[in-house]
Amino acid sequence: MFSIHFSWEKKVFAIFIFFITYHSIVTNKTFANMNNIKHHCTISIDSSSLSANQVMLNFSIENPYNKKMKLLMWYTPFEGFFSDLFVITHNHTAEKLIYQGPMVKRNQPLLEDYLSISANEVLSTTINLSLAYTFIPGNYQLKLKSHTFYFEDENSNRFTFLCKMPTIEFSVK
């Protein structure tokens, strides 16, 4: 009979390699499954009464994952105006409105920079665009400047969320 004897160092190394390989396969399958999930978000302008000082934007995002996640609020309407989030163009003049709100420098995200969202839950917010942009009467087009948002799971794994939306049009009286 033939037998092979390994030193304890080789056994530990073999176990380590097996663990790394297994973890890599499981993690890659998890990421692949999470990246194939359809992402849902909406943006709209309340057109009931658009005066130059009351341009209300509605934004919703859904947690498409089957577990509780945290949404990084940075560069989303959920944090309000701490960065230039939108491209807003006046149709007649073709000029882009200039963002007049604060621009915040960032460090690493803190716990309060995240919103907790249950599985398949939809969160919504409304912000007044007139607080950061100067409107005059006329027709406008609006789109998100960035379509990339970030979710994190309970293990701090970050997942990219693409919020693709068409340009929306609205009129200010």
Protein backbone atom coordinates (compact mmCIF):
# COMPACT_ATOMS: atom_id res chain seq x y z
CA MET A 1 0.00 0.00 0.00
CA PHE A 2 1.15 3.49 -0.84
CA SER A 3 0.86 6.37 1.65
CA ILE A 4 1.91 10.00 1.59
CA HIS A 5 2.79 11.92 4.73
CA PHE A 6 2.54 15.69 4.79
CA SER A 7 4.03 17.98 7.36
CA TRP A 8 1.57 20.01 9.41
CA GLU A 9 2.63 23.17 7.49
CA LYS A 10 1.60 21.61 4.18
CA LYS A 11 -1.72 20.47 5.66
CA VAL A 12 -2.47 23.97 6.96
CA PHE A 13 -1.50 25.46 3.60
CA ALA A 14 -3.76 22.99 1.74
CA ILE A 15 -6.69 23.82 4.04
CA PHE A 16 -6.02 27.54 3.56
CA ILE A 17 -6.01 27.18 -0.25
CA PHE A 18 -9.24 25.14 -0.12
CA PHE A 19 -10.93 27.80 2.06
CA ILE A 20 -9.84 30.68 -0.20
CA THR A 21 -10.99 28.83 -3.34
CA TYR A 22 -14.36 27.92 -1.77
CA HIS A 23 -14.93 31.49 -0.48
CA SER A 24 -14.04 32.94 -3.88
CA ILE A 25 -16.53 30.68 -5.68
CA VAL A 26 -19.36 31.40 -3.22
CA THR A 27 -18.68 35.15 -3.19
CA ASN A 28 -18.51 35.40 -6.98
CA LYS A 29 -21.84 33.54 -7.33
CA THR A 30 -23.43 35.87 -4.76
CA PHE A 31 -22.13 39.00 -6.50
CA ALA A 32 -23.17 37.67 -9.90
CA ASN A 33 -26.70 37.00 -8.64
CA MET A 34 -26.96 40.43 -6.99
CA ASN A 35 -25.64 42.26 -10.04
CA ASN A 36 -28.26 40.63 -12.29
CA ILE A 37 -31.12 42.04 -10.24
CA LYS A 38 -33.30 44.68 -11.91
CA HIS A 39 -33.03 48.05 -10.26
CA HIS A 40 -36.05 50.27 -9.80
CA CYS A 41 -36.02 53.99 -9.19
CA THR A 42 -38.26 56.83 -10.32
CA ILE A 43 -38.02 60.57 -10.58
CA SER A 44 -40.83 63.02 -11.32
CA ILE A 45 -41.74 66.67 -10.98
CA ASP A 46 -45.02 67.57 -9.31
CA SER A 47 -46.67 69.51 -12.13
CA SER A 48 -49.79 70.59 -10.24
CA SER A 49 -48.50 74.08 -9.42
CA LEU A 50 -45.00 74.86 -10.62
CA SER A 51 -44.01 78.34 -9.60
CA ALA A 52 -40.37 79.45 -9.79
CA ASN A 53 -39.96 78.97 -6.02
CA GLN A 54 -41.80 75.63 -5.69
CA VAL A 55 -40.35 73.09 -8.14
CA MET A 56 -40.90 69.87 -6.21
CA LEU A 57 -39.03 66.76 -7.29
CA ASN A 58 -40.18 63.29 -6.19
CA PHE A 59 -37.59 60.51 -6.05
CA SER A 60 -38.11 56.83 -5.20
CA ILE A 61 -35.75 53.90 -5.01
CA GLU A 62 -36.48 50.23 -4.34
CA ASN A 63 -34.27 47.75 -2.55
CA PRO A 64 -34.40 44.95 -5.13
CA TYR A 65 -32.51 42.48 -2.97
CA ASN A 66 -34.12 39.81 -0.84
CA LYS A 67 -32.46 41.09 2.30
CA LYS A 68 -32.13 44.26 4.29
CA MET A 69 -29.62 46.67 2.77
CA LYS A 70 -28.19 50.10 3.46
CA LEU A 71 -28.29 52.83 0.82
CA LEU A 72 -25.42 55.31 0.84
CA MET A 73 -27.28 58.64 0.71
CA TRP A 74 -24.36 60.56 -0.78
CA TYR A 75 -25.16 62.06 -4.17
CA THR A 76 -28.82 61.07 -3.95
CA PRO A 77 -31.90 63.24 -3.33
CA PHE A 78 -32.18 61.59 0.12
CA GLU A 79 -29.36 63.73 1.50
CA GLY A 80 -30.81 66.97 0.15
CA PHE A 81 -28.50 69.51 -1.42
CA PHE A 82 -24.87 68.80 -0.55
CA SER A 83 -23.75 68.29 -4.15
CA ASP A 84 -24.86 69.09 -7.68
CA LEU A 85 -27.20 66.17 -8.42
CA PHE A 86 -29.00 67.26 -11.57
CA VAL A 87 -28.53 68.61 -15.06
CA ILE A 88 -31.36 71.07 -15.63
CA THR A 89 -31.63 72.80 -19.00
CA HIS A 90 -33.96 75.64 -20.02
CA ASN A 91 -35.48 74.54 -23.36
CA HIS A 92 -35.73 78.01 -24.95
CA THR A 93 -32.24 79.28 -24.09
CA ALA A 94 -30.55 75.82 -23.98
CA GLU A 95 -28.65 77.06 -20.92
CA LYS A 96 -27.95 74.77 -17.99
CA LEU A 97 -29.06 76.05 -14.63
CA ILE A 98 -26.21 76.67 -12.23
CA TYR A 99 -26.30 74.76 -8.95
CA GLN A 100 -26.28 77.26 -6.07
CA GLY A 101 -26.19 74.90 -3.09
CA PRO A 102 -23.31 73.70 -0.94
CA MET A 103 -20.63 71.31 -2.16
CA VAL A 104 -19.43 68.98 0.60
CA LYS A 105 -16.06 67.23 0.71
CA ARG A 106 -16.30 63.63 1.87
CA ASN A 107 -14.30 61.33 4.10
CA GLN A 108 -15.27 57.72 4.72
CA PRO A 109 -19.04 57.20 5.11
CA LEU A 110 -20.36 57.08 8.66
CA LEU A 111 -23.32 55.07 9.92
CA GLU A 112 -25.60 58.13 9.60
CA ASP A 113 -24.73 58.41 5.88
CA TYR A 114 -26.80 55.29 5.17
CA LEU A 115 -30.53 54.62 4.97
CA SER A 116 -31.67 51.17 6.00
CA ILE A 117 -34.09 49.61 3.52
CA SER A 118 -35.88 46.32 4.06
CA ALA A 119 -36.06 43.71 1.31
CA ASN A 120 -38.12 44.95 -1.66
CA GLU A 121 -39.06 48.15 0.22
CA VAL A 122 -39.49 51.44 -1.68
CA LEU A 123 -38.23 54.68 -0.12
CA SER A 124 -39.34 58.07 -1.40
CA THR A 125 -38.41 61.67 -0.80
CA THR A 126 -39.47 65.07 -2.11
CA ILE A 127 -37.09 68.01 -2.47
CA ASN A 128 -37.64 71.58 -3.62
CA LEU A 129 -35.28 72.22 -6.54
CA SER A 130 -35.86 75.97 -6.12
CA LEU A 131 -33.66 75.88 -3.02
CA ALA A 132 -30.58 75.18 -5.17
CA TYR A 133 -31.49 76.37 -8.68
CA THR A 134 -32.96 79.65 -9.97
CA PHE A 135 -35.95 79.09 -12.24
CA ILE A 136 -37.65 81.54 -14.57
CA PRO A 137 -40.90 80.82 -16.41
CA GLY A 138 -40.43 78.36 -19.24
CA ASN A 139 -39.93 74.71 -20.16
CA TYR A 140 -37.11 72.62 -18.72
CA GLN A 141 -35.45 69.24 -19.04
CA LEU A 142 -33.99 67.45 -16.03
CA LYS A 143 -31.83 64.37 -15.64
CA LEU A 144 -29.69 62.89 -12.92
CA LYS A 145 -26.03 63.84 -13.15
CA SER A 146 -24.96 60.43 -11.86
CA HIS A 147 -26.94 57.22 -12.22
CA THR A 148 -24.77 55.20 -9.85
CA PHE A 149 -25.81 54.66 -6.25
CA TYR A 150 -24.47 52.20 -3.69
CA PHE A 151 -26.05 49.61 -1.44
CA GLU A 152 -24.23 47.74 1.31
CA ASP A 153 -25.27 44.51 2.97
CA GLU A 154 -24.85 43.55 6.63
CA ASN A 155 -21.26 42.40 5.88
CA SER A 156 -20.33 45.81 4.39
CA ASN A 157 -20.15 44.39 0.87
CA ARG A 158 -20.88 47.25 -1.54
CA PHE A 159 -23.15 46.78 -4.55
CA THR A 160 -23.50 49.22 -7.42
CA PHE A 161 -27.03 50.32 -8.21
CA LEU A 162 -27.66 51.83 -11.65
CA CYS A 163 -30.64 54.14 -11.59
CA LYS A 164 -31.26 54.69 -15.28
CA MET A 165 -34.04 57.13 -16.00
CA PRO A 166 -35.02 59.14 -19.04
CA THR A 167 -34.79 62.91 -19.10
CA ILE A 168 -38.00 64.43 -17.78
CA GLU A 169 -39.64 67.65 -18.98
CA PHE A 170 -41.59 70.19 -16.96
CA SER A 171 -42.84 73.77 -17.17
CA VAL A 172 -42.51 76.57 -14.66
CA LYS A 173 -45.10 79.38 -14.60
